[in-house]
Amino acid sequence: VSALAYDDYIGRLGIGRVYKGTLKAASQVTVANANGTVKNGKT
C-alpha cells in the first residue's frame, strides 16, 4: 500500500501495486509491515 483513500460507503481504501502473484477479491490475506507487525485480514 502506497496511498490511502476513503469512501463513505465502503470505508478506508488502500492503493498500491501488486508486485508478485495475483490478488483476489473476498480473500484471506496476511498484512505485514517492515516493523515486524503481522495480522490477518480479508479483502
PDB file of all heavy atoms in Angstrom:
ATOM      1  N   VAL A   1       0.850  -1.197   0.000  1.00  0.00           N
ATOM      2  CA  VAL A   1       0.000   0.000   0.000  1.00  0.00           C
ATOM      3  C   VAL A   1       0.883   1.244   0.000  1.00  0.00           C
ATOM      4  O   VAL A   1       1.742   1.411   0.869  1.00  0.00           O
ATOM      5  CB  VAL A   1      -0.929   0.001   1.229  1.00  0.00           C
ATOM      6  CG1 VAL A   1      -1.736   1.294   1.300  1.00  0.00           C
ATOM      7  CG2 VAL A   1      -1.856  -1.199   1.196  1.00  0.00           C
ATOM      8  N   SER A   2       0.670   2.130  -0.986  1.00  0.00           N
ATOM      9  CA  SER A   2       1.478   3.361  -1.077  1.00  0.00           C
ATOM     10  C   SER A   2       0.647   4.628  -0.907  1.00  0.00           C
ATOM     11  O   SER A   2       1.193   5.719  -0.770  1.00  0.00           O
ATOM     12  CB  SER A   2       2.202   3.407  -2.426  1.00  0.00           C
ATOM     13  OG  SER A   2       1.275   3.313  -3.484  1.00  0.00           O
ATOM     14  N   ALA A   3      -0.673   4.504  -0.913  1.00  0.00           N
ATOM     15  CA  ALA A   3      -1.546   5.670  -0.708  1.00  0.00           C
ATOM     16  C   ALA A   3      -2.864   5.194  -0.110  1.00  0.00           C
ATOM     17  O   ALA A   3      -3.204   4.008  -0.179  1.00  0.00           O
ATOM     18  CB  ALA A   3      -1.794   6.394  -2.031  1.00  0.00           C
ATOM     19  N   LEU A   4      -3.598   6.137   0.485  1.00  0.00           N
ATOM     20  CA  LEU A   4      -4.877   5.811   1.124  1.00  0.00           C
ATOM     21  C   LEU A   4      -5.985   6.676   0.542  1.00  0.00           C
ATOM     22  O   LEU A   4      -5.745   7.793   0.078  1.00  0.00           O
ATOM     23  CB  LEU A   4      -4.794   6.046   2.638  1.00  0.00           C
ATOM     24  CG  LEU A   4      -3.780   5.214   3.423  1.00  0.00           C
ATOM     25  CD1 LEU A   4      -3.701   5.711   4.866  1.00  0.00           C
ATOM     26  CD2 LEU A   4      -4.138   3.739   3.394  1.00  0.00           C
ATOM     27  N   ALA A   5      -7.187   6.146   0.575  1.00  0.00           N
ATOM     28  CA  ALA A   5      -8.369   6.926   0.205  1.00  0.00           C
ATOM     29  C   ALA A   5      -9.489   6.528   1.158  1.00  0.00           C
ATOM     30  O   ALA A   5      -9.338   5.599   1.960  1.00  0.00           O
ATOM     31  CB  ALA A   5      -8.752   6.667  -1.242  1.00  0.00           C
ATOM     32  N   TYR A   6     -10.600   7.241   1.078  1.00  0.00           N
ATOM     33  CA  TYR A   6     -11.714   6.950   1.977  1.00  0.00           C
ATOM     34  C   TYR A   6     -13.019   7.071   1.205  1.00  0.00           C
ATOM     35  O   TYR A   6     -13.213   8.012   0.429  1.00  0.00           O
ATOM     36  CB  TYR A   6     -11.714   7.904   3.176  1.00  0.00           C
ATOM     37  CG  TYR A   6     -12.689   7.491   4.259  1.00  0.00           C
ATOM     38  CD1 TYR A   6     -12.333   6.536   5.208  1.00  0.00           C
ATOM     39  CD2 TYR A   6     -13.960   8.040   4.323  1.00  0.00           C
ATOM     40  CE1 TYR A   6     -13.218   6.130   6.191  1.00  0.00           C
ATOM     41  CE2 TYR A   6     -14.860   7.651   5.303  1.00  0.00           C
ATOM     42  CZ  TYR A   6     -14.478   6.697   6.241  1.00  0.00           C
ATOM     43  OH  TYR A   6     -15.362   6.294   7.206  1.00  0.00           O
ATOM     44  N   ASP A   7     -13.888   6.120   1.395  1.00  0.00           N
ATOM     45  CA  ASP A   7     -15.202   6.125   0.763  1.00  0.00           C
ATOM     46  C   ASP A   7     -16.254   6.031   1.873  1.00  0.00           C
ATOM     47  O   ASP A   7     -16.165   5.183   2.749  1.00  0.00           O
ATOM     48  CB  ASP A   7     -15.322   4.920  -0.191  1.00  0.00           C
ATOM     49  CG  ASP A   7     -16.611   4.960  -0.988  1.00  0.00           C
ATOM     50  OD1 ASP A   7     -17.687   4.761  -0.377  1.00  0.00           O
ATOM     51  OD2 ASP A   7     -16.550   5.162  -2.207  1.00  0.00           O
ATOM     52  N   ASP A   8     -17.242   6.920   1.818  1.00  0.00           N
ATOM     53  CA  ASP A   8     -18.264   6.951   2.880  1.00  0.00           C
ATOM     54  C   ASP A   8     -19.042   5.647   2.974  1.00  0.00           C
ATOM     55  O   ASP A   8     -19.628   5.339   4.018  1.00  0.00           O
ATOM     56  CB  ASP A   8     -19.235   8.119   2.637  1.00  0.00           C
ATOM     57  CG  ASP A   8     -18.578   9.467   2.909  1.00  0.00           C
ATOM     58  OD1 ASP A   8     -17.608   9.485   3.694  1.00  0.00           O
ATOM     59  OD2 ASP A   8     -19.017  10.478   2.337  1.00  0.00           O
ATOM     60  N   TYR A   9     -19.084   4.879   1.904  1.00  0.00           N
ATOM     61  CA  TYR A   9     -19.876   3.648   1.895  1.00  0.00           C
ATOM     62  C   TYR A   9     -19.052   2.410   2.222  1.00  0.00           C
ATOM     63  O   TYR A   9     -19.529   1.506   2.904  1.00  0.00           O
ATOM     64  CB  TYR A   9     -20.554   3.473   0.523  1.00  0.00           C
ATOM     65  CG  TYR A   9     -21.528   4.586   0.220  1.00  0.00           C
ATOM     66  CD1 TYR A   9     -21.163   5.627  -0.627  1.00  0.00           C
ATOM     67  CD2 TYR A   9     -22.792   4.616   0.801  1.00  0.00           C
ATOM     68  CE1 TYR A   9     -22.043   6.673  -0.903  1.00  0.00           C
ATOM     69  CE2 TYR A   9     -23.682   5.643   0.543  1.00  0.00           C
ATOM     70  CZ  TYR A   9     -23.308   6.669  -0.306  1.00  0.00           C
ATOM     71  OH  TYR A   9     -24.169   7.694  -0.556  1.00  0.00           O
ATOM     72  N   ILE A  10     -17.812   2.353   1.720  1.00  0.00           N
ATOM     73  CA  ILE A  10     -17.021   1.121   1.935  1.00  0.00           C
ATOM     74  C   ILE A  10     -15.796   1.349   2.817  1.00  0.00           C
ATOM     75  O   ILE A  10     -15.015   0.439   3.037  1.00  0.00           O
ATOM     76  CB  ILE A  10     -16.612   0.468   0.590  1.00  0.00           C
ATOM     77  CG1 ILE A  10     -15.864   1.459  -0.307  1.00  0.00           C
ATOM     78  CG2 ILE A  10     -17.801  -0.104  -0.117  1.00  0.00           C
ATOM     79  CD1 ILE A  10     -15.421   0.842  -1.635  1.00  0.00           C
ATOM     80  N   GLY A  11     -15.648   2.573   3.359  1.00  0.00           N
ATOM     81  CA  GLY A  11     -14.608   2.814   4.360  1.00  0.00           C
ATOM     82  C   GLY A  11     -13.234   3.095   3.776  1.00  0.00           C
ATOM     83  O   GLY A  11     -13.095   3.592   2.658  1.00  0.00           O
ATOM     84  N   ARG A  12     -12.222   2.740   4.559  1.00  0.00           N
ATOM     85  CA  ARG A  12     -10.838   3.046   4.202  1.00  0.00           C
ATOM     86  C   ARG A  12     -10.382   2.163   3.036  1.00  0.00           C
ATOM     87  O   ARG A  12     -10.653   0.971   2.998  1.00  0.00           O
ATOM     88  CB  ARG A  12      -9.940   2.814   5.411  1.00  0.00           C
ATOM     89  CG  ARG A  12      -8.570   3.439   5.285  1.00  0.00           C
ATOM     90  CD  ARG A  12      -7.865   3.399   6.626  1.00  0.00           C
ATOM     91  NE  ARG A  12      -6.662   4.202   6.624  1.00  0.00           N
ATOM     92  CZ  ARG A  12      -5.960   4.458   7.711  1.00  0.00           C
ATOM     93  NH1 ARG A  12      -6.336   3.987   8.873  1.00  0.00           N
ATOM     94  NH2 ARG A  12      -4.871   5.194   7.645  1.00  0.00           N
ATOM     95  N   LEU A  13      -9.664   2.778   2.107  1.00  0.00           N
ATOM     96  CA  LEU A  13      -9.194   2.080   0.917  1.00  0.00           C
ATOM     97  C   LEU A  13      -7.675   2.153   0.845  1.00  0.00           C
ATOM     98  O   LEU A  13      -7.089   3.203   1.109  1.00  0.00           O
ATOM     99  CB  LEU A  13      -9.786   2.713  -0.343  1.00  0.00           C
ATOM    100  CG  LEU A  13     -11.323   2.762  -0.418  1.00  0.00           C
ATOM    101  CD1 LEU A  13     -11.764   3.688  -1.528  1.00  0.00           C
ATOM    102  CD2 LEU A  13     -11.887   1.369  -0.644  1.00  0.00           C
ATOM    103  N   GLY A  14      -7.043   1.051   0.493  1.00  0.00           N
ATOM    104  CA  GLY A  14      -5.603   1.027   0.283  1.00  0.00           C
ATOM    105  C   GLY A  14      -5.295   1.007  -1.202  1.00  0.00           C
ATOM    106  O   GLY A  14      -5.916   0.253  -1.960  1.00  0.00           O
ATOM    107  N   ILE A  15      -4.350   1.862  -1.634  1.00  0.00           N
ATOM    108  CA  ILE A  15      -3.977   1.931  -3.049  1.00  0.00           C
ATOM    109  C   ILE A  15      -2.507   1.535  -3.168  1.00  0.00           C
ATOM    110  O   ILE A  15      -1.661   2.021  -2.403  1.00  0.00           O
ATOM    111  CB  ILE A  15      -4.186   3.353  -3.614  1.00  0.00           C
ATOM    112  CG1 ILE A  15      -5.638   3.798  -3.410  1.00  0.00           C
ATOM    113  CG2 ILE A  15      -3.803   3.415  -5.086  1.00  0.00           C
ATOM    114  CD1 ILE A  15      -5.880   5.274  -3.683  1.00  0.00           C
ATOM    115  N   GLY A  16      -2.197   0.653  -4.087  1.00  0.00           N
ATOM    116  CA  GLY A  16      -0.810   0.252  -4.260  1.00  0.00           C
ATOM    117  C   GLY A  16      -0.649  -0.671  -5.442  1.00  0.00           C
ATOM    118  O   GLY A  16      -1.590  -0.905  -6.208  1.00  0.00           O
ATOM    119  N   ARG A  17       0.545  -1.212  -5.572  1.00  0.00           N
ATOM    120  CA  ARG A  17       0.858  -2.070  -6.711  1.00  0.00           C
ATOM    121  C   ARG A  17       0.973  -3.530  -6.276  1.00  0.00           C
ATOM    122  O   ARG A  17       1.490  -3.822  -5.198  1.00  0.00           O
ATOM    123  CB  ARG A  17       2.186  -1.639  -7.337  1.00  0.00           C
ATOM    124  CG  ARG A  17       2.490  -2.364  -8.634  1.00  0.00           C
ATOM    125  CD  ARG A  17       3.735  -1.837  -9.299  1.00  0.00           C
ATOM    126  NE  ARG A  17       3.677  -2.113 -10.742  1.00  0.00           N
ATOM    127  CZ  ARG A  17       4.562  -1.677 -11.616  1.00  0.00           C
ATOM    128  NH1 ARG A  17       5.568  -0.923 -11.217  1.00  0.00           N
ATOM    129  NH2 ARG A  17       4.457  -1.975 -12.891  1.00  0.00           N
ATOM    130  N   VAL A  18       0.465  -4.420  -7.116  1.00  0.00           N
ATOM    131  CA  VAL A  18       0.677  -5.859  -6.905  1.00  0.00           C
ATOM    132  C   VAL A  18       2.037  -6.192  -7.521  1.00  0.00           C
ATOM    133  O   VAL A  18       2.207  -6.109  -8.739  1.00  0.00           O
ATOM    134  CB  VAL A  18      -0.436  -6.701  -7.566  1.00  0.00           C
ATOM    135  CG1 VAL A  18      -0.190  -8.181  -7.310  1.00  0.00           C
ATOM    136  CG2 VAL A  18      -1.806  -6.288  -7.043  1.00  0.00           C
ATOM    137  N   TYR A  19       3.012  -6.533  -6.682  1.00  0.00           N
ATOM    138  CA  TYR A  19       4.372  -6.793  -7.165  1.00  0.00           C
ATOM    139  C   TYR A  19       4.564  -8.243  -7.592  1.00  0.00           C
ATOM    140  O   TYR A  19       5.330  -8.529  -8.516  1.00  0.00           O
ATOM    141  CB  TYR A  19       5.387  -6.422  -6.079  1.00  0.00           C
ATOM    142  CG  TYR A  19       5.504  -4.939  -5.870  1.00  0.00           C
ATOM    143  CD1 TYR A  19       4.689  -4.276  -4.960  1.00  0.00           C
ATOM    144  CD2 TYR A  19       6.404  -4.180  -6.606  1.00  0.00           C
ATOM    145  CE1 TYR A  19       4.772  -2.900  -4.780  1.00  0.00           C
ATOM    146  CE2 TYR A  19       6.504  -2.808  -6.441  1.00  0.00           C
ATOM    147  CZ  TYR A  19       5.682  -2.170  -5.523  1.00  0.00           C
ATOM    148  OH  TYR A  19       5.775  -0.816  -5.359  1.00  0.00           O
ATOM    149  N   LYS A  20       3.876  -9.167  -6.920  1.00  0.00           N
ATOM    150  CA  LYS A  20       4.002 -10.585  -7.259  1.00  0.00           C
ATOM    151  C   LYS A  20       2.633 -11.255  -7.138  1.00  0.00           C
ATOM    152  O   LYS A  20       1.785 -10.826  -6.352  1.00  0.00           O
ATOM    153  CB  LYS A  20       4.979 -11.300  -6.307  1.00  0.00           C
ATOM    154  CG  LYS A  20       6.426 -10.872  -6.427  1.00  0.00           C
ATOM    155  CD  LYS A  20       7.265 -11.654  -5.426  1.00  0.00           C
ATOM    156  CE  LYS A  20       8.708 -11.193  -5.411  1.00  0.00           C
ATOM    157  NZ  LYS A  20       9.502 -11.913  -4.374  1.00  0.00           N
ATOM    158  N   GLY A  21       2.473 -12.347  -7.882  1.00  0.00           N
ATOM    159  CA  GLY A  21       1.269 -13.149  -7.752  1.00  0.00           C
ATOM    160  C   GLY A  21       0.029 -12.456  -8.264  1.00  0.00           C
ATOM    161  O   GLY A  21       0.087 -11.543  -9.086  1.00  0.00           O
ATOM    162  N   THR A  22      -1.124 -12.885  -7.756  1.00  0.00           N
ATOM    163  CA  THR A  22      -2.399 -12.267  -8.116  1.00  0.00           C
ATOM    164  C   THR A  22      -3.186 -12.003  -6.838  1.00  0.00           C
ATOM    165  O   THR A  22      -3.083 -12.738  -5.858  1.00  0.00           O
ATOM    166  CB  THR A  22      -3.234 -13.179  -9.040  1.00  0.00           C
ATOM    167  OG1 THR A  22      -3.469 -14.413  -8.365  1.00  0.00           O
ATOM    168  CG2 THR A  22      -2.524 -13.421 -10.357  1.00  0.00           C
ATOM    169  N   LEU A  23      -3.967 -10.927  -6.864  1.00  0.00           N
ATOM    170  CA  LEU A  23      -4.793 -10.545  -5.712  1.00  0.00           C
ATOM    171  C   LEU A  23      -6.245 -10.857  -6.030  1.00  0.00           C
ATOM    172  O   LEU A  23      -6.751 -10.489  -7.097  1.00  0.00           O
ATOM    173  CB  LEU A  23      -4.611  -9.049  -5.429  1.00  0.00           C
ATOM    174  CG  LEU A  23      -5.450  -8.447  -4.308  1.00  0.00           C
ATOM    175  CD1 LEU A  23      -5.028  -9.015  -2.953  1.00  0.00           C
ATOM    176  CD2 LEU A  23      -5.327  -6.919  -4.300  1.00  0.00           C
ATOM    177  N   LYS A  24      -6.923 -11.546  -5.112  1.00  0.00           N
ATOM    178  CA  LYS A  24      -8.304 -11.949  -5.363  1.00  0.00           C
ATOM    179  C   LYS A  24      -9.265 -11.223  -4.424  1.00  0.00           C
ATOM    180  O   LYS A  24      -8.924 -10.936  -3.276  1.00  0.00           O
ATOM    181  CB  LYS A  24      -8.451 -13.458  -5.192  1.00  0.00           C
ATOM    182  CG  LYS A  24      -7.636 -14.245  -6.221  1.00  0.00           C
ATOM    183  CD  LYS A  24      -7.785 -15.731  -6.040  1.00  0.00           C
ATOM    184  CE  LYS A  24      -6.957 -16.482  -7.088  1.00  0.00           C
ATOM    185  NZ  LYS A  24      -7.010 -17.928  -6.909  1.00  0.00           N
ATOM    186  N   ALA A  25     -10.454 -10.935  -4.913  1.00  0.00           N
ATOM    187  CA  ALA A  25     -11.500 -10.314  -4.091  1.00  0.00           C
ATOM    188  C   ALA A  25     -11.978 -11.311  -3.044  1.00  0.00           C
ATOM    189  O   ALA A  25     -11.940 -12.525  -3.252  1.00  0.00           O
ATOM    190  CB  ALA A  25     -12.652  -9.854  -4.963  1.00  0.00           C
ATOM    191  N   ALA A  26     -12.430 -10.771  -1.903  1.00  0.00           N
ATOM    192  CA  ALA A  26     -13.002 -11.584  -0.819  1.00  0.00           C
ATOM    193  C   ALA A  26     -12.084 -12.744  -0.434  1.00  0.00           C
ATOM    194  O   ALA A  26     -12.528 -13.888  -0.291  1.00  0.00           O
ATOM    195  CB  ALA A  26     -14.375 -12.101  -1.217  1.00  0.00           C
ATOM    196  N   SER A  27     -10.792 -12.432  -0.273  1.00  0.00           N
ATOM    197  CA  SER A  27      -9.830 -13.495   0.079  1.00  0.00           C
ATOM    198  C   SER A  27      -9.119 -13.150   1.389  1.00  0.00           C
ATOM    199  O   SER A  27      -8.917 -11.974   1.722  1.00  0.00           O
ATOM    200  CB  SER A  27      -8.799 -13.672  -1.032  1.00  0.00           C
ATOM    201  OG  SER A  27      -8.062 -12.478  -1.238  1.00  0.00           O
ATOM    202  N   GLN A  28      -8.751 -14.198   2.133  1.00  0.00           N
ATOM    203  CA  GLN A  28      -7.998 -14.014   3.372  1.00  0.00           C
ATOM    204  C   GLN A  28      -6.539 -13.715   3.032  1.00  0.00           C
ATOM    205  O   GLN A  28      -5.942 -14.362   2.165  1.00  0.00           O
ATOM    206  CB  GLN A  28      -8.063 -15.295   4.222  1.00  0.00           C
ATOM    207  CG  GLN A  28      -9.447 -15.651   4.715  1.00  0.00           C
ATOM    208  CD  GLN A  28      -9.942 -14.719   5.811  1.00  0.00           C
ATOM    209  OE1 GLN A  28      -9.147 -14.101   6.512  1.00  0.00           O
ATOM    210  NE2 GLN A  28     -11.261 -14.623   5.965  1.00  0.00           N
ATOM    211  N   VAL A  29      -5.952 -12.711   3.725  1.00  0.00           N
ATOM    212  CA  VAL A  29      -4.554 -12.337   3.494  1.00  0.00           C
ATOM    213  C   VAL A  29      -3.876 -12.075   4.836  1.00  0.00           C
ATOM    214  O   VAL A  29      -4.536 -11.839   5.856  1.00  0.00           O
ATOM    215  CB  VAL A  29      -4.432 -11.072   2.606  1.00  0.00           C
ATOM    216  CG1 VAL A  29      -4.883 -11.339   1.182  1.00  0.00           C
ATOM    217  CG2 VAL A  29      -5.218  -9.901   3.213  1.00  0.00           C
ATOM    218  N   THR A  30      -2.547 -12.118   4.825  1.00  0.00           N
ATOM    219  CA  THR A  30      -1.755 -11.661   5.961  1.00  0.00           C
ATOM    220  C   THR A  30      -1.240 -10.269   5.627  1.00  0.00           C
ATOM    221  O   THR A  30      -0.713 -10.043   4.533  1.00  0.00           O
ATOM    222  CB  THR A  30      -0.580 -12.614   6.229  1.00  0.00           C
ATOM    223  OG1 THR A  30      -1.094 -13.846   6.733  1.00  0.00           O
ATOM    224  CG2 THR A  30       0.379 -12.033   7.254  1.00  0.00           C
ATOM    225  N   VAL A  31      -1.431  -9.321   6.566  1.00  0.00           N
ATOM    226  CA  VAL A  31      -0.956  -7.942   6.380  1.00  0.00           C
ATOM    227  C   VAL A  31       0.279  -7.767   7.253  1.00  0.00           C
ATOM    228  O   VAL A  31       0.212  -7.908   8.482  1.00  0.00           O
ATOM    229  CB  VAL A  31      -2.048  -6.924   6.767  1.00  0.00           C
ATOM    230  CG1 VAL A  31      -1.563  -5.509   6.518  1.00  0.00           C
ATOM    231  CG2 VAL A  31      -3.335  -7.191   5.993  1.00  0.00           C
ATOM    232  N   ALA A  32       1.415  -7.479   6.623  1.00  0.00           N
ATOM    233  CA  ALA A  32       2.682  -7.349   7.358  1.00  0.00           C
ATOM    234  C   ALA A  32       3.339  -6.034   6.996  1.00  0.00           C
ATOM    235  O   ALA A  32       3.116  -5.478   5.915  1.00  0.00           O
ATOM    236  CB  ALA A  32       3.604  -8.518   7.004  1.00  0.00           C
ATOM    237  N   ASN A  33       4.166  -5.516   7.930  1.00  0.00           N
ATOM    238  CA  ASN A  33       4.977  -4.345   7.579  1.00  0.00           C
ATOM    239  C   ASN A  33       6.414  -4.546   8.035  1.00  0.00           C
ATOM    240  O   ASN A  33       6.737  -5.508   8.740  1.00  0.00           O
ATOM    241  CB  ASN A  33       4.374  -3.049   8.142  1.00  0.00           C
ATOM    242  CG  ASN A  33       4.312  -3.033   9.655  1.00  0.00           C
ATOM    243  OD1 ASN A  33       5.195  -3.556  10.333  1.00  0.00           O
ATOM    244  ND2 ASN A  33       3.256  -2.432  10.194  1.00  0.00           N
ATOM    245  N   ALA A  34       7.277  -3.610   7.612  1.00  0.00           N
ATOM    246  CA  ALA A  34       8.712  -3.762   7.848  1.00  0.00           C
ATOM    247  C   ALA A  34       9.068  -3.684   9.326  1.00  0.00           C
ATOM    248  O   ALA A  34      10.172  -4.061   9.728  1.00  0.00           O
ATOM    249  CB  ALA A  34       9.479  -2.701   7.055  1.00  0.00           C
ATOM    250  N   ASN A  35       8.152  -3.175  10.160  1.00  0.00           N
ATOM    251  CA  ASN A  35       8.425  -3.076  11.608  1.00  0.00           C
ATOM    252  C   ASN A  35       8.183  -4.401  12.339  1.00  0.00           C
ATOM    253  O   ASN A  35       8.363  -4.493  13.547  1.00  0.00           O
ATOM    254  CB  ASN A  35       7.542  -1.993  12.242  1.00  0.00           C
ATOM    255  CG  ASN A  35       7.793  -0.636  11.636  1.00  0.00           C
ATOM    256  OD1 ASN A  35       8.932  -0.320  11.295  1.00  0.00           O
ATOM    257  ND2 ASN A  35       6.753   0.166  11.490  1.00  0.00           N
ATOM    258  N   GLY A  36       7.723  -5.415  11.619  1.00  0.00           N
ATOM    259  CA  GLY A  36       7.510  -6.723  12.240  1.00  0.00           C
ATOM    260  C   GLY A  36       6.079  -6.991  12.658  1.00  0.00           C
ATOM    261  O   GLY A  36       5.767  -8.050  13.198  1.00  0.00           O
ATOM    262  N   THR A  37       5.190  -6.018  12.426  1.00  0.00           N
ATOM    263  CA  THR A  37       3.776  -6.225  12.770  1.00  0.00           C
ATOM    264  C   THR A  37       3.116  -7.137  11.739  1.00  0.00           C
ATOM    265  O   THR A  37       3.235  -6.920  10.530  1.00  0.00           O
ATOM    266  CB  THR A  37       3.034  -4.879  12.819  1.00  0.00           C
ATOM    267  OG1 THR A  37       3.711  -4.000  13.715  1.00  0.00           O
ATOM    268  CG2 THR A  37       1.602  -5.059  13.285  1.00  0.00           C
ATOM    269  N   VAL A  38       2.409  -8.159  12.217  1.00  0.00           N
ATOM    270  CA  VAL A  38       1.720  -9.105  11.322  1.00  0.00           C
ATOM    271  C   VAL A  38       0.298  -9.311  11.829  1.00  0.00           C
ATOM    272  O   VAL A  38       0.083  -9.506  13.026  1.00  0.00           O
ATOM    273  CB  VAL A  38       2.455 -10.467  11.278  1.00  0.00           C
ATOM    274  CG1 VAL A  38       1.692 -11.454  10.405  1.00  0.00           C
ATOM    275  CG2 VAL A  38       3.873 -10.299  10.764  1.00  0.00           C
ATOM    276  N   LYS A  39      -0.677  -9.242  10.925  1.00  0.00           N
ATOM    277  CA  LYS A  39      -2.069  -9.500  11.310  1.00  0.00           C
ATOM    278  C   LYS A  39      -2.784 -10.096  10.101  1.00  0.00           C
ATOM    279  O   LYS A  39      -2.313  -9.949   8.957  1.00  0.00           O
ATOM    280  CB  LYS A  39      -2.739  -8.199  11.771  1.00  0.00           C
ATOM    281  CG  LYS A  39      -2.803  -7.139  10.700  1.00  0.00           C
ATOM    282  CD  LYS A  39      -3.043  -5.759  11.255  1.00  0.00           C
ATOM    283  CE  LYS A  39      -2.923  -4.710  10.147  1.00  0.00           C
ATOM    284  NZ  LYS A  39      -2.695  -3.382  10.631  1.00  0.00           N
ATOM    285  N   ASN A  40      -3.887 -10.735  10.341  1.00  0.00           N
ATOM    286  CA  ASN A  40      -4.671 -11.304   9.247  1.00  0.00           C
ATOM    287  C   ASN A  40      -5.867 -10.418   8.929  1.00  0.00           C
ATOM    288  O   ASN A  40      -6.391  -9.710   9.795  1.00  0.00           O
ATOM    289  CB  ASN A  40      -5.159 -12.712   9.606  1.00  0.00           C
ATOM    290  CG  ASN A  40      -4.017 -13.717   9.640  1.00  0.00           C
ATOM    291  OD1 ASN A  40      -2.965 -13.489   9.033  1.00  0.00           O
ATOM    292  ND2 ASN A  40      -4.204 -14.824  10.341  1.00  0.00           N
ATOM    293  N   GLY A  41      -6.274 -10.434   7.704  1.00  0.00           N
ATOM    294  CA  GLY A  41      -7.432  -9.646   7.291  1.00  0.00           C
ATOM    295  C   GLY A  41      -8.077 -10.266   6.080  1.00  0.00           C
ATOM    296  O   GLY A  41      -7.631 -11.292   5.566  1.00  0.00           O
ATOM    297  N   LYS A  42      -9.143  -9.631   5.600  1.00  0.00           N
ATOM    298  CA  LYS A  42      -9.843 -10.148   4.427  1.00  0.00           C
ATOM    299  C   LYS A  42     -10.161  -8.997   3.486  1.00  0.00           C
ATOM    300  O   LYS A  42     -10.736  -7.987   3.895  1.00  0.00           O
ATOM    301  CB  LYS A  42     -11.135 -10.849   4.849  1.00  0.00           C
ATOM    302  CG  LYS A  42     -11.885 -11.478   3.679  1.00  0.00           C
ATOM    303  CD  LYS A  42     -13.195 -12.112   4.135  1.00  0.00           C
ATOM    304  CE  LYS A  42     -13.961 -12.676   2.923  1.00  0.00           C
ATOM    305  NZ  LYS A  42     -15.261 -13.239   3.316  1.00  0.00           N
ATOM    306  N   THR A  43      -9.765  -9.178   2.231  1.00  0.00           N
ATOM    307  CA  THR A  43     -10.123  -8.161   1.250  1.00  0.00           C
ATOM    308  C   THR A  43     -11.606  -8.287   0.945  1.00  0.00           C
ATOM    309  O   THR A  43     -12.172  -9.384   0.988  1.00  0.00           O
ATOM    310  CB  THR A  43      -9.329  -8.352  -0.063  1.00  0.00           C
ATOM    311  OG1 THR A  43      -9.651  -9.615  -0.628  1.00  0.00           O
ATOM    312  CG2 THR A  43      -7.831  -8.274   0.182  1.00  0.00           C
TER     313      THR A  43
END
